[in-house]
Amino acid sequence: MNVITDIAKTNPALSKFYAEKDVLILGGMGFMGSTTAHHLIRMGARVTLYDAMLPQYGGNKANVRGITDKLKVVEGDVRDFDLLKENIKEKDVVINYSAQVSHIDSMKDPYLDIDINCKGNMNVLEAVRRFNDSARVIICSTRSQIGRMEYDPVDEKHPEFPTDIYSANKSAAEKYHLIYSGAYDIFTSSLRITNVYGPRAQVKSSGYGIVNYFIRLALEGKNITVFEPGMQKRDVLYVDDAVAAMLLAGASKKAKAQVFNVASGKTHPLLEIVKQIVNVAGKGSWSMVPWPENRKRIEVGDVSMSISKIAGTLEWRPTIELDEGLHRSVEYYREFINEYV
């Protein structure tokens, strides 16, 4: 089974747009950034990956296996304005995945989260405004900035009630991008992406993504603990579908100054996802445990997202069903797990 969807082949117009484009991917050595790079290389783009390679985050040299000679890698932090601005100059598209991504860590060290997720994003916008205001800037936001649902499914007009510092700062960063689009006519677009899983994610802990972490535990024959009663519903999305949405936003004039939900449009009880992972892996087990207090405080409950806006505006729809996505992911980690733990 091929673990990567050939977006270049399935969407020739998108491939035509990115051919010969200069694209900067912030957080480019991580899970989604590197997957975006693989697709862009297939489309003929000139790709620069910018990543701080901080040990606690997702940057991994294994992620660019097979394409290292086809792109440029810069080890840099979005908090380093001088280095950042030099790499933003003359780029056609800036795709921003850089972030502190742990909900729990954001509560333990809120100032670090502010530094990366607020100051870092402001650096990106200021570098674009001052040195390359024709660049298109696409930021990876998160469904968690919505917090608990007031109605089902959540659309882009739903009020935001973030329950942790990470989600609050991602919400702030999204608003920075909309402000810069309105005030300075810069092309920005924000995609609120649901739980993404698939190849190239770190699986050291659940902080890098719960589905991928569960896949690791299953492949190691370990027990997966699920918080009682396990019926909390989640919308999970295969990484190639998420990347396709980001690339479409960068290519379409209709995406300027817009916010889009990006999700599968389907919900699954977490326990059912776990059972399916164990089944696909052919090993592992699961058990129920009470909620730990630090997780219970920030839990948002069921998650259900409407994708009507992005489907209607950018003609994006998910293509990989959960069963196929899990099979692809298990196949990848069965071969490469040692590079991600």
C-alpha atoms as a PDB file:
ATOM      1  CA  MET A   1       0.000   0.000   0.000  1.00  0.00           C
ATOM      2  CA  ASN A   2       1.270   3.473  -0.922  1.00  0.00           C
ATOM      3  CA  VAL A   3       1.173   5.673   2.196  1.00  0.00           C
ATOM      4  CA  ILE A   4       1.155   8.962   0.260  1.00  0.00           C
ATOM      5  CA  THR A   5      -1.677  10.334  -1.864  1.00  0.00           C
ATOM      6  CA  ASP A   6      -0.419  11.781  -5.143  1.00  0.00           C
ATOM      7  CA  ILE A   7      -2.016  15.229  -4.887  1.00  0.00           C
ATOM      8  CA  ALA A   8      -0.014  16.386  -7.924  1.00  0.00           C
ATOM      9  CA  LYS A   9      -1.680  13.737 -10.057  1.00  0.00           C
ATOM     10  CA  THR A  10      -5.189  14.055  -8.633  1.00  0.00           C
ATOM     11  CA  ASN A  11      -5.204  17.861  -8.837  1.00  0.00           C
ATOM     12  CA  PRO A  12      -3.301  18.989 -11.953  1.00  0.00           C
ATOM     13  CA  ALA A  13      -4.412  22.627 -11.584  1.00  0.00           C
ATOM     14  CA  LEU A  14      -2.871  22.763  -8.118  1.00  0.00           C
ATOM     15  CA  SER A  15       0.315  21.208  -9.431  1.00  0.00           C
ATOM     16  CA  LYS A  16       0.427  23.797 -12.213  1.00  0.00           C
ATOM     17  CA  PHE A  17       0.113  26.654  -9.708  1.00  0.00           C
ATOM     18  CA  TYR A  18       3.019  25.498  -7.542  1.00  0.00           C
ATOM     19  CA  ALA A  19       5.363  24.527 -10.377  1.00  0.00           C
ATOM     20  CA  GLU A  20       8.428  26.804 -10.160  1.00  0.00           C
ATOM     21  CA  LYS A  21       6.991  28.659  -7.147  1.00  0.00           C
ATOM     22  CA  ASP A  22       9.318  29.530  -4.253  1.00  0.00           C
ATOM     23  CA  VAL A  23       7.670  28.130  -1.135  1.00  0.00           C
ATOM     24  CA  LEU A  24       8.829  28.549   2.456  1.00  0.00           C
ATOM     25  CA  ILE A  25       7.520  26.002   4.964  1.00  0.00           C
ATOM     26  CA  LEU A  26       7.869  27.058   8.592  1.00  0.00           C
ATOM     27  CA  GLY A  27       8.083  24.076  10.895  1.00  0.00           C
ATOM     28  CA  GLY A  28       9.108  22.286   7.719  1.00  0.00           C
ATOM     29  CA  MET A  29      10.895  19.321   9.279  1.00  0.00           C
ATOM     30  CA  GLY A  30       7.871  18.305  11.314  1.00  0.00           C
ATOM     31  CA  PHE A  31       4.904  16.055  10.612  1.00  0.00           C
ATOM     32  CA  MET A  32       2.729  18.233   8.369  1.00  0.00           C
ATOM     33  CA  GLY A  33       5.529  20.493   7.140  1.00  0.00           C
ATOM     34  CA  SER A  34       7.605  17.652   5.736  1.00  0.00           C
ATOM     35  CA  THR A  35       4.550  15.982   4.199  1.00  0.00           C
ATOM     36  CA  THR A  36       3.780  19.285   2.470  1.00  0.00           C
ATOM     37  CA  ALA A  37       7.360  19.379   1.197  1.00  0.00           C
ATOM     38  CA  HIS A  38       7.068  15.910  -0.350  1.00  0.00           C
ATOM     39  CA  HIS A  39       3.950  16.989  -2.242  1.00  0.00           C
ATOM     40  CA  LEU A  40       5.426  20.309  -3.370  1.00  0.00           C
ATOM     41  CA  ILE A  41       8.569  18.641  -4.686  1.00  0.00           C
ATOM     42  CA  ARG A  42       6.352  16.399  -6.826  1.00  0.00           C
ATOM     43  CA  MET A  43       4.663  19.545  -8.133  1.00  0.00           C
ATOM     44  CA  GLY A  44       7.954  21.139  -9.172  1.00  0.00           C
ATOM     45  CA  ALA A  45       8.104  23.841  -6.497  1.00  0.00           C
ATOM     46  CA  ARG A  46      11.337  25.255  -5.087  1.00  0.00           C
ATOM     47  CA  VAL A  47      11.053  24.453  -1.398  1.00  0.00           C
ATOM     48  CA  THR A  48      12.804  25.861   1.672  1.00  0.00           C
ATOM     49  CA  LEU A  49      12.211  24.233   5.053  1.00  0.00           C
ATOM     50  CA  TYR A  50      12.708  26.451   8.096  1.00  0.00           C
ATOM     51  CA  ASP A  51      12.722  24.642  11.438  1.00  0.00           C
ATOM     52  CA  ALA A  52      14.269  25.296  14.856  1.00  0.00           C
ATOM     53  CA  MET A  53      14.713  21.525  15.391  1.00  0.00           C
ATOM     54  CA  LEU A  54      14.010  21.978  19.100  1.00  0.00           C
ATOM     55  CA  PRO A  55      14.258  18.535  20.730  1.00  0.00           C
ATOM     56  CA  GLN A  56      10.817  18.598  22.350  1.00  0.00           C
ATOM     57  CA  TYR A  57       8.996  19.260  19.069  1.00  0.00           C
ATOM     58  CA  GLY A  58       8.398  17.382  15.834  1.00  0.00           C
ATOM     59  CA  GLY A  59      11.373  18.198  13.621  1.00  0.00           C
ATOM     60  CA  ASN A  60      12.970  15.013  12.303  1.00  0.00           C
ATOM     61  CA  LYS A  61      15.584  14.571   9.578  1.00  0.00           C
ATOM     62  CA  ALA A  62      14.023  11.212   8.710  1.00  0.00           C
ATOM     63  CA  ASN A  63      10.988  13.117   7.415  1.00  0.00           C
ATOM     64  CA  VAL A  64      12.794  14.340   4.298  1.00  0.00           C
ATOM     65  CA  ARG A  65      14.228  10.971   3.327  1.00  0.00           C
ATOM     66  CA  GLY A  66      14.368  10.789  -0.459  1.00  0.00           C
ATOM     67  CA  ILE A  67      14.070  14.532  -1.125  1.00  0.00           C
ATOM     68  CA  THR A  68      17.043  16.046   0.746  1.00  0.00           C
ATOM     69  CA  ASP A  69      18.814  16.921  -2.513  1.00  0.00           C
ATOM     70  CA  LYS A  70      15.719  18.667  -3.866  1.00  0.00           C
ATOM     71  CA  LEU A  71      15.146  21.280  -1.175  1.00  0.00           C
ATOM     72  CA  LYS A  72      16.889  23.749   1.110  1.00  0.00           C
ATOM     73  CA  VAL A  73      16.853  23.323   4.881  1.00  0.00           C
ATOM     74  CA  VAL A  74      17.442  26.241   7.263  1.00  0.00           C
ATOM     75  CA  GLU A  75      17.763  25.580  10.985  1.00  0.00           C
ATOM     76  CA  GLY A  76      16.051  28.639  12.372  1.00  0.00           C
ATOM     77  CA  ASP A  77      13.498  29.761  14.926  1.00  0.00           C
ATOM     78  CA  VAL A  78      10.480  31.963  14.113  1.00  0.00           C
ATOM     79  CA  ARG A  79      11.493  34.015  17.151  1.00  0.00           C
ATOM     80  CA  ASP A  80      14.717  34.989  15.327  1.00  0.00           C
ATOM     81  CA  PHE A  81      13.380  37.895  13.279  1.00  0.00           C
ATOM     82  CA  ASP A  82      16.599  38.675  11.389  1.00  0.00           C
ATOM     83  CA  LEU A  83      17.055  35.136  10.109  1.00  0.00           C
ATOM     84  CA  LEU A  84      13.360  34.751   9.418  1.00  0.00           C
ATOM     85  CA  LYS A  85      13.116  37.883   7.295  1.00  0.00           C
ATOM     86  CA  GLU A  86      16.018  36.776   5.085  1.00  0.00           C
ATOM     87  CA  ASN A  87      14.225  33.538   4.325  1.00  0.00           C
ATOM     88  CA  ILE A  88      10.851  35.176   3.721  1.00  0.00           C
ATOM     89  CA  LYS A  89      12.252  37.529   1.092  1.00  0.00           C
ATOM     90  CA  GLU A  90      11.352  36.576  -2.489  1.00  0.00           C
ATOM     91  CA  LYS A  91       9.086  33.701  -1.504  1.00  0.00           C
ATOM     92  CA  ASP A  92       5.786  33.293  -3.320  1.00  0.00           C
ATOM     93  CA  VAL A  93       4.020  31.307  -0.593  1.00  0.00           C
ATOM     94  CA  VAL A  94       4.710  30.958   3.139  1.00  0.00           C
ATOM     95  CA  ILE A  95       3.081  27.933   4.767  1.00  0.00           C
ATOM     96  CA  ASN A  96       3.268  28.156   8.534  1.00  0.00           C
ATOM     97  CA  TYR A  97       3.145  25.064  10.736  1.00  0.00           C
ATOM     98  CA  SER A  98       5.589  26.347  13.351  1.00  0.00           C
ATOM     99  CA  ALA A  99       4.158  26.156  16.860  1.00  0.00           C
ATOM    100  CA  GLN A 100       4.383  24.922  20.398  1.00  0.00           C
ATOM    101  CA  VAL A 101       1.772  22.193  20.017  1.00  0.00           C
ATOM    102  CA  SER A 102       1.138  20.677  23.451  1.00  0.00           C
ATOM    103  CA  HIS A 103      -2.031  21.669  25.285  1.00  0.00           C
ATOM    104  CA  ILE A 104      -0.646  20.363  28.589  1.00  0.00           C
ATOM    105  CA  ASP A 105       2.745  22.083  28.175  1.00  0.00           C
ATOM    106  CA  SER A 106       1.019  25.371  27.399  1.00  0.00           C
ATOM    107  CA  MET A 107      -0.560  25.234  30.842  1.00  0.00           C
ATOM    108  CA  LYS A 108       2.740  24.347  32.503  1.00  0.00           C
ATOM    109  CA  ASP A 109       4.706  27.109  30.739  1.00  0.00           C
ATOM    110  CA  PRO A 110       2.310  29.685  29.269  1.00  0.00           C
ATOM    111  CA  TYR A 111       5.087  32.196  28.618  1.00  0.00           C
ATOM    112  CA  LEU A 112       6.886  29.837  26.251  1.00  0.00           C
ATOM    113  CA  ASP A 113       3.652  29.261  24.375  1.00  0.00           C
ATOM    114  CA  ILE A 114       3.111  33.023  24.082  1.00  0.00           C
ATOM    115  CA  ASP A 115       6.684  33.454  22.887  1.00  0.00           C
ATOM    116  CA  ILE A 116       6.359  30.923  20.069  1.00  0.00           C
ATOM    117  CA  ASN A 117       2.679  31.022  19.137  1.00  0.00           C
ATOM    118  CA  CYS A 118       2.122  34.783  19.484  1.00  0.00           C
ATOM    119  CA  LYS A 119       5.485  36.513  19.085  1.00  0.00           C
ATOM    120  CA  GLY A 120       6.617  33.977  16.483  1.00  0.00           C
ATOM    121  CA  ASN A 121       3.549  34.556  14.336  1.00  0.00           C
ATOM    122  CA  MET A 122       3.886  38.320  14.679  1.00  0.00           C
ATOM    123  CA  ASN A 123       7.460  37.994  13.426  1.00  0.00           C
ATOM    124  CA  VAL A 124       6.210  36.145  10.357  1.00  0.00           C
ATOM    125  CA  LEU A 125       3.621  38.797   9.581  1.00  0.00           C
ATOM    126  CA  GLU A 126       5.988  41.704  10.158  1.00  0.00           C
ATOM    127  CA  ALA A 127       8.669  40.094   7.994  1.00  0.00           C
ATOM    128  CA  VAL A 128       6.122  39.677   5.201  1.00  0.00           C
ATOM    129  CA  ARG A 129       4.754  43.208   5.612  1.00  0.00           C
ATOM    130  CA  ARG A 130       8.163  44.848   5.584  1.00  0.00           C
ATOM    131  CA  PHE A 131      10.108  42.666   3.160  1.00  0.00           C
ATOM    132  CA  ASN A 132       7.715  40.682   0.920  1.00  0.00           C
ATOM    133  CA  ASP A 133       4.129  41.904   1.068  1.00  0.00           C
ATOM    134  CA  SER A 134       3.152  40.021  -2.090  1.00  0.00           C
ATOM    135  CA  ALA A 135       3.681  36.625  -0.461  1.00  0.00           C
ATOM    136  CA  ARG A 136       0.696  34.444   0.338  1.00  0.00           C
ATOM    137  CA  VAL A 137       0.679  33.365   4.001  1.00  0.00           C
ATOM    138  CA  ILE A 138      -1.232  30.249   5.064  1.00  0.00           C
ATOM    139  CA  ILE A 139      -1.315  29.416   8.771  1.00  0.00           C
ATOM    140  CA  CYS A 140      -2.217  26.091  10.298  1.00  0.00           C
ATOM    141  CA  SER A 141      -4.685  26.872  13.068  1.00  0.00           C
ATOM    142  CA  THR A 142      -6.589  24.398  15.215  1.00  0.00           C
ATOM    143  CA  ARG A 143     -10.123  23.267  15.901  1.00  0.00           C
ATOM    144  CA  SER A 144      -9.311  23.421  19.635  1.00  0.00           C
ATOM    145  CA  GLN A 145      -9.500  27.212  19.614  1.00  0.00           C
ATOM    146  CA  ILE A 146     -13.289  26.745  19.436  1.00  0.00           C
ATOM    147  CA  GLY A 147     -13.345  24.933  22.778  1.00  0.00           C
ATOM    148  CA  ARG A 148     -16.630  23.318  23.770  1.00  0.00           C
ATOM    149  CA  MET A 149     -19.384  23.153  21.172  1.00  0.00           C
ATOM    150  CA  GLU A 150     -22.457  25.318  21.574  1.00  0.00           C
ATOM    151  CA  TYR A 151     -24.044  23.719  18.514  1.00  0.00           C
ATOM    152  CA  ASP A 152     -23.314  20.780  16.252  1.00  0.00           C
ATOM    153  CA  PRO A 153     -21.562  20.806  13.858  1.00  0.00           C
ATOM    154  CA  VAL A 154     -19.197  23.699  14.500  1.00  0.00           C
ATOM    155  CA  ASP A 155     -18.899  26.148  11.622  1.00  0.00           C
ATOM    156  CA  GLU A 156     -16.506  29.073  11.174  1.00  0.00           C
ATOM    157  CA  LYS A 157     -18.940  31.483  12.878  1.00  0.00           C
ATOM    158  CA  HIS A 158     -19.047  29.497  16.120  1.00  0.00           C
ATOM    159  CA  PRO A 159     -17.932  31.511  19.179  1.00  0.00           C
ATOM    160  CA  GLU A 160     -14.477  30.666  20.499  1.00  0.00           C
ATOM    161  CA  PHE A 161     -14.089  29.401  24.048  1.00  0.00           C
ATOM    162  CA  PRO A 162     -10.542  27.987  24.259  1.00  0.00           C
ATOM    163  CA  THR A 163      -9.898  25.908  27.365  1.00  0.00           C
ATOM    164  CA  ASP A 164      -6.076  26.047  27.399  1.00  0.00           C
ATOM    165  CA  ILE A 165      -3.310  28.557  26.647  1.00  0.00           C
ATOM    166  CA  TYR A 166      -2.212  26.849  23.422  1.00  0.00           C
ATOM    167  CA  SER A 167      -5.692  27.135  21.941  1.00  0.00           C
ATOM    168  CA  ALA A 168      -6.087  30.751  23.099  1.00  0.00           C
ATOM    169  CA  ASN A 169      -2.779  31.737  21.515  1.00  0.00           C
ATOM    170  CA  LYS A 170      -3.616  29.967  18.260  1.00  0.00           C
ATOM    171  CA  SER A 171      -6.853  31.945  18.232  1.00  0.00           C
ATOM    172  CA  ALA A 172      -4.894  35.162  18.758  1.00  0.00           C
ATOM    173  CA  ALA A 173      -2.471  34.274  15.960  1.00  0.00           C
ATOM    174  CA  GLU A 174      -5.358  33.670  13.570  1.00  0.00           C
ATOM    175  CA  LYS A 175      -6.700  37.112  14.365  1.00  0.00           C
ATOM    176  CA  TYR A 176      -3.269  38.682  13.763  1.00  0.00           C
ATOM    177  CA  HIS A 177      -3.366  37.214  10.266  1.00  0.00           C
ATOM    178  CA  LEU A 178      -6.846  38.560   9.557  1.00  0.00           C
ATOM    179  CA  ILE A 179      -5.845  41.990  10.871  1.00  0.00           C
ATOM    180  CA  TYR A 180      -2.786  42.126   8.617  1.00  0.00           C
ATOM    181  CA  SER A 181      -4.884  41.114   5.644  1.00  0.00           C
ATOM    182  CA  GLY A 182      -7.378  43.874   6.345  1.00  0.00           C
ATOM    183  CA  ALA A 183      -4.932  46.597   7.349  1.00  0.00           C
ATOM    184  CA  TYR A 184      -2.096  45.909   4.874  1.00  0.00           C
ATOM    185  CA  ASP A 185      -3.808  43.952   2.090  1.00  0.00           C
ATOM    186  CA  ILE A 186      -1.575  40.938   2.714  1.00  0.00           C
ATOM    187  CA  PHE A 187      -2.852  37.580   1.487  1.00  0.00           C
ATOM    188  CA  THR A 188      -3.454  35.493   4.612  1.00  0.00           C
ATOM    189  CA  SER A 189      -5.639  32.480   5.217  1.00  0.00           C
ATOM    190  CA  SER A 190      -6.174  30.424   8.351  1.00  0.00           C
ATOM    191  CA  LEU A 191      -7.148  26.755   8.386  1.00  0.00           C
ATOM    192  CA  ARG A 192      -8.586  25.345  11.600  1.00  0.00           C
ATOM    193  CA  ILE A 193      -7.503  21.744  11.326  1.00  0.00           C
ATOM    194  CA  THR A 194      -8.871  18.849  13.337  1.00  0.00           C
ATOM    195  CA  ASN A 195      -6.818  15.980  14.830  1.00  0.00           C
ATOM    196  CA  VAL A 196      -4.410  14.913  12.085  1.00  0.00           C
ATOM    197  CA  TYR A 197      -2.736  11.516  11.920  1.00  0.00           C
ATOM    198  CA  GLY A 198      -0.509   9.630   9.507  1.00  0.00           C
ATOM    199  CA  PRO A 199       3.161   9.068   8.582  1.00  0.00           C
ATOM    200  CA  ARG A 200       6.042  11.274   9.779  1.00  0.00           C
ATOM    201  CA  ALA A 201       4.638  12.331  13.152  1.00  0.00           C
ATOM    202  CA  GLN A 202       6.649  11.905  16.322  1.00  0.00           C
ATOM    203  CA  VAL A 203       5.127   9.222  18.543  1.00  0.00           C
ATOM    204  CA  LYS A 204       7.177   9.847  21.697  1.00  0.00           C
ATOM    205  CA  SER A 205       4.056  10.862  23.616  1.00  0.00           C
ATOM    206  CA  SER A 206       0.394  11.669  23.127  1.00  0.00           C
ATOM    207  CA  GLY A 207       1.323  15.355  22.912  1.00  0.00           C
ATOM    208  CA  TYR A 208       2.346  14.882  19.281  1.00  0.00           C
ATOM    209  CA  GLY A 209      -1.037  13.454  18.276  1.00  0.00           C
ATOM    210  CA  ILE A 210      -3.209  10.935  20.034  1.00  0.00           C
ATOM    211  CA  VAL A 211      -3.958   8.637  17.077  1.00  0.00           C
ATOM    212  CA  ASN A 212      -0.318   8.236  16.079  1.00  0.00           C
ATOM    213  CA  TYR A 213       0.674   7.629  19.701  1.00  0.00           C
ATOM    214  CA  PHE A 214      -1.962   4.907  20.004  1.00  0.00           C
ATOM    215  CA  ILE A 215      -0.587   3.316  16.829  1.00  0.00           C
ATOM    216  CA  ARG A 216       2.843   3.179  18.432  1.00  0.00           C
ATOM    217  CA  LEU A 217       1.493   1.519  21.570  1.00  0.00           C
ATOM    218  CA  ALA A 218      -0.413  -1.047  19.520  1.00  0.00           C
ATOM    219  CA  LEU A 219       2.599  -1.901  17.365  1.00  0.00           C
ATOM    220  CA  GLU A 220       4.662  -2.397  20.534  1.00  0.00           C
ATOM    221  CA  GLY A 221       1.991  -4.737  21.887  1.00  0.00           C
ATOM    222  CA  LYS A 222       1.216  -2.411  24.771  1.00  0.00           C
ATOM    223  CA  ASN A 223      -2.013  -1.432  26.470  1.00  0.00           C
ATOM    224  CA  ILE A 224      -3.820   1.729  25.325  1.00  0.00           C
ATOM    225  CA  THR A 225      -5.647   3.542  28.121  1.00  0.00           C
ATOM    226  CA  VAL A 226      -8.832   5.378  27.244  1.00  0.00           C
ATOM    227  CA  PHE A 227     -10.455   7.933  29.537  1.00  0.00           C
ATOM    228  CA  GLU A 228     -13.878   6.776  30.716  1.00  0.00           C
ATOM    229  CA  PRO A 229     -16.352   6.192  29.182  1.00  0.00           C
ATOM    230  CA  GLY A 230     -14.511   6.344  25.852  1.00  0.00           C
ATOM    231  CA  MET A 231     -17.533   7.743  24.034  1.00  0.00           C
ATOM    232  CA  GLN A 232     -16.065  11.221  23.544  1.00  0.00           C
ATOM    233  CA  LYS A 233     -16.365  11.818  19.802  1.00  0.00           C
ATOM    234  CA  ARG A 234     -13.410  12.897  17.694  1.00  0.00           C
ATOM    235  CA  ASP A 235     -13.022  13.967  14.083  1.00  0.00           C
ATOM    236  CA  VAL A 236      -9.680  12.698  12.756  1.00  0.00           C
ATOM    237  CA  LEU A 237      -8.124  13.451   9.370  1.00  0.00           C
ATOM    238  CA  TYR A 238      -5.370  11.780   7.365  1.00  0.00           C
ATOM    239  CA  VAL A 239      -2.366  14.035   6.856  1.00  0.00           C
ATOM    240  CA  ASP A 240      -2.468  14.134   3.041  1.00  0.00           C
ATOM    241  CA  ASP A 241      -6.013  15.496   3.118  1.00  0.00           C
ATOM    242  CA  ALA A 242      -4.972  18.224   5.569  1.00  0.00           C
ATOM    243  CA  VAL A 243      -1.988  19.152   3.390  1.00  0.00           C
ATOM    244  CA  ALA A 244      -4.158  19.303   0.284  1.00  0.00           C
ATOM    245  CA  ALA A 245      -6.371  21.856   2.028  1.00  0.00           C
ATOM    246  CA  MET A 246      -3.357  24.000   2.975  1.00  0.00           C
ATOM    247  CA  LEU A 247      -2.046  23.913  -0.595  1.00  0.00           C
ATOM    248  CA  LEU A 248      -5.443  24.773  -2.059  1.00  0.00           C
ATOM    249  CA  ALA A 249      -5.700  27.781   0.267  1.00  0.00           C
ATOM    250  CA  GLY A 250      -2.297  28.979  -0.925  1.00  0.00           C
ATOM    251  CA  ALA A 251      -3.290  28.648  -4.563  1.00  0.00           C
ATOM    252  CA  SER A 252      -6.772  30.191  -4.543  1.00  0.00           C
ATOM    253  CA  LYS A 253      -7.580  33.905  -4.549  1.00  0.00           C
ATOM    254  CA  LYS A 254     -10.849  32.972  -2.847  1.00  0.00           C
ATOM    255  CA  ALA A 255      -8.927  32.010   0.296  1.00  0.00           C
ATOM    256  CA  LYS A 256      -7.636  35.519   1.006  1.00  0.00           C
ATOM    257  CA  ALA A 257      -8.647  36.788   4.463  1.00  0.00           C
ATOM    258  CA  GLN A 258     -10.685  33.636   5.053  1.00  0.00           C
ATOM    259  CA  VAL A 259     -10.915  31.088   7.854  1.00  0.00           C
ATOM    260  CA  PHE A 260     -11.748  27.482   7.009  1.00  0.00           C
ATOM    261  CA  ASN A 261     -12.542  24.390   9.026  1.00  0.00           C
ATOM    262  CA  VAL A 262     -10.592  21.364   7.818  1.00  0.00           C
ATOM    263  CA  ALA A 263     -11.869  18.003   9.035  1.00  0.00           C
ATOM    264  CA  SER A 264     -13.202  14.665   7.858  1.00  0.00           C
ATOM    265  CA  GLY A 265     -16.799  15.716   8.487  1.00  0.00           C
ATOM    266  CA  LYS A 266     -17.331  12.474  10.427  1.00  0.00           C
ATOM    267  CA  THR A 267     -17.049  11.691  14.130  1.00  0.00           C
ATOM    268  CA  HIS A 268     -15.969   8.494  15.848  1.00  0.00           C
ATOM    269  CA  PRO A 269     -16.063   7.593  19.551  1.00  0.00           C
ATOM    270  CA  LEU A 270     -12.469   7.492  20.762  1.00  0.00           C
ATOM    271  CA  LEU A 271     -12.873   3.933  21.995  1.00  0.00           C
ATOM    272  CA  GLU A 272     -13.958   2.803  18.535  1.00  0.00           C
ATOM    273  CA  ILE A 273     -10.850   4.420  17.008  1.00  0.00           C
ATOM    274  CA  VAL A 274      -8.685   2.586  19.542  1.00  0.00           C
ATOM    275  CA  LYS A 275     -10.350  -0.752  18.802  1.00  0.00           C
ATOM    276  CA  GLN A 276      -9.796  -0.197  15.079  1.00  0.00           C
ATOM    277  CA  ILE A 277      -6.112   0.624  15.637  1.00  0.00           C
ATOM    278  CA  VAL A 278      -5.604  -2.581  17.643  1.00  0.00           C
ATOM    279  CA  ASN A 279      -7.359  -4.546  14.920  1.00  0.00           C
ATOM    280  CA  VAL A 280      -5.270  -3.047  12.090  1.00  0.00           C
ATOM    281  CA  ALA A 281      -2.007  -3.443  14.021  1.00  0.00           C
ATOM    282  CA  GLY A 282      -2.859  -7.017  14.911  1.00  0.00           C
ATOM    283  CA  LYS A 283      -1.573  -6.549  18.446  1.00  0.00           C
ATOM    284  CA  GLY A 284      -1.966  -4.365  21.525  1.00  0.00           C
ATOM    285  CA  SER A 285      -4.874  -4.036  23.941  1.00  0.00           C
ATOM    286  CA  TRP A 286      -6.996  -1.352  25.574  1.00  0.00           C
ATOM    287  CA  SER A 287      -8.500  -0.552  28.959  1.00  0.00           C
ATOM    288  CA  MET A 288     -10.580   2.197  30.559  1.00  0.00           C
ATOM    289  CA  VAL A 289      -9.167   4.602  33.172  1.00  0.00           C
ATOM    290  CA  PRO A 290     -10.560   7.646  35.045  1.00  0.00           C
ATOM    291  CA  TRP A 291      -9.786  11.126  33.728  1.00  0.00           C
ATOM    292  CA  PRO A 292      -6.619  12.684  35.209  1.00  0.00           C
ATOM    293  CA  GLU A 293      -7.342  16.090  36.688  1.00  0.00           C
ATOM    294  CA  ASN A 294      -4.958  18.005  34.386  1.00  0.00           C
ATOM    295  CA  ARG A 295      -6.710  16.606  31.302  1.00  0.00           C
ATOM    296  CA  LYS A 296     -10.225  16.877  32.666  1.00  0.00           C
ATOM    297  CA  ARG A 297      -9.782  20.631  33.236  1.00  0.00           C
ATOM    298  CA  ILE A 298      -9.141  21.326  29.550  1.00  0.00           C
ATOM    299  CA  GLU A 299     -11.253  18.622  27.874  1.00  0.00           C
ATOM    300  CA  VAL A 300     -13.610  20.094  25.254  1.00  0.00           C
ATOM    301  CA  GLY A 301     -16.024  17.187  24.936  1.00  0.00           C
ATOM    302  CA  ASP A 302     -17.305  15.965  21.579  1.00  0.00           C
ATOM    303  CA  VAL A 303     -15.855  17.513  18.429  1.00  0.00           C
ATOM    304  CA  SER A 304     -17.912  17.808  15.241  1.00  0.00           C
ATOM    305  CA  MET A 305     -16.893  20.240  12.484  1.00  0.00           C
ATOM    306  CA  SER A 306     -18.710  21.478   9.407  1.00  0.00           C
ATOM    307  CA  ILE A 307     -16.601  21.505   6.229  1.00  0.00           C
ATOM    308  CA  SER A 308     -19.274  23.099   4.048  1.00  0.00           C
ATOM    309  CA  LYS A 309     -17.363  26.372   3.630  1.00  0.00           C
ATOM    310  CA  ILE A 310     -14.091  24.919   2.369  1.00  0.00           C
ATOM    311  CA  ALA A 311     -15.946  22.404   0.212  1.00  0.00           C
ATOM    312  CA  GLY A 312     -17.958  25.180  -1.410  1.00  0.00           C
ATOM    313  CA  THR A 313     -15.177  27.765  -1.683  1.00  0.00           C
ATOM    314  CA  LEU A 314     -12.088  25.695  -2.520  1.00  0.00           C
ATOM    315  CA  GLU A 315     -13.766  22.451  -3.656  1.00  0.00           C
ATOM    316  CA  TRP A 316     -11.835  20.542  -0.994  1.00  0.00           C
ATOM    317  CA  ARG A 317     -13.117  17.298   0.431  1.00  0.00           C
ATOM    318  CA  PRO A 318     -11.335  14.545   2.360  1.00  0.00           C
ATOM    319  CA  THR A 319     -10.415  11.494   0.301  1.00  0.00           C
ATOM    320  CA  ILE A 320      -8.974   9.014   2.817  1.00  0.00           C
ATOM    321  CA  GLU A 321     -11.410   7.101   5.039  1.00  0.00           C
ATOM    322  CA  LEU A 322     -10.347   6.181   8.565  1.00  0.00           C
ATOM    323  CA  ASP A 323      -9.743   2.489   7.838  1.00  0.00           C
ATOM    324  CA  GLU A 324      -7.473   3.228   4.880  1.00  0.00           C
ATOM    325  CA  GLY A 325      -5.657   5.974   6.782  1.00  0.00           C
ATOM    326  CA  LEU A 326      -4.981   3.662   9.717  1.00  0.00           C
ATOM    327  CA  HIS A 327      -3.690   0.923   7.416  1.00  0.00           C
ATOM    328  CA  ARG A 328      -1.334   3.415   5.725  1.00  0.00           C
ATOM    329  CA  SER A 329      -0.127   4.738   9.080  1.00  0.00           C
ATOM    330  CA  VAL A 330       0.445   1.307  10.611  1.00  0.00           C
ATOM    331  CA  GLU A 331       2.370   0.215   7.518  1.00  0.00           C
ATOM    332  CA  TYR A 332       4.639   3.262   7.753  1.00  0.00           C
ATOM    333  CA  TYR A 333       5.362   2.992  11.464  1.00  0.00           C
ATOM    334  CA  ARG A 334       5.816  -0.755  11.290  1.00  0.00           C
ATOM    335  CA  GLU A 335       8.822  -0.027   9.070  1.00  0.00           C
ATOM    336  CA  PHE A 336      10.143   3.239  10.532  1.00  0.00           C
ATOM    337  CA  ILE A 337       8.998   3.341  14.168  1.00  0.00           C
ATOM    338  CA  ASN A 338      12.556   3.534  15.528  1.00  0.00           C
ATOM    339  CA  GLU A 339      13.019   6.932  13.906  1.00  0.00           C
ATOM    340  CA  TYR A 340      10.032   8.443  15.740  1.00  0.00           C
ATOM    341  CA  VAL A 341      10.324   7.296  19.353  1.00  0.00           C
END
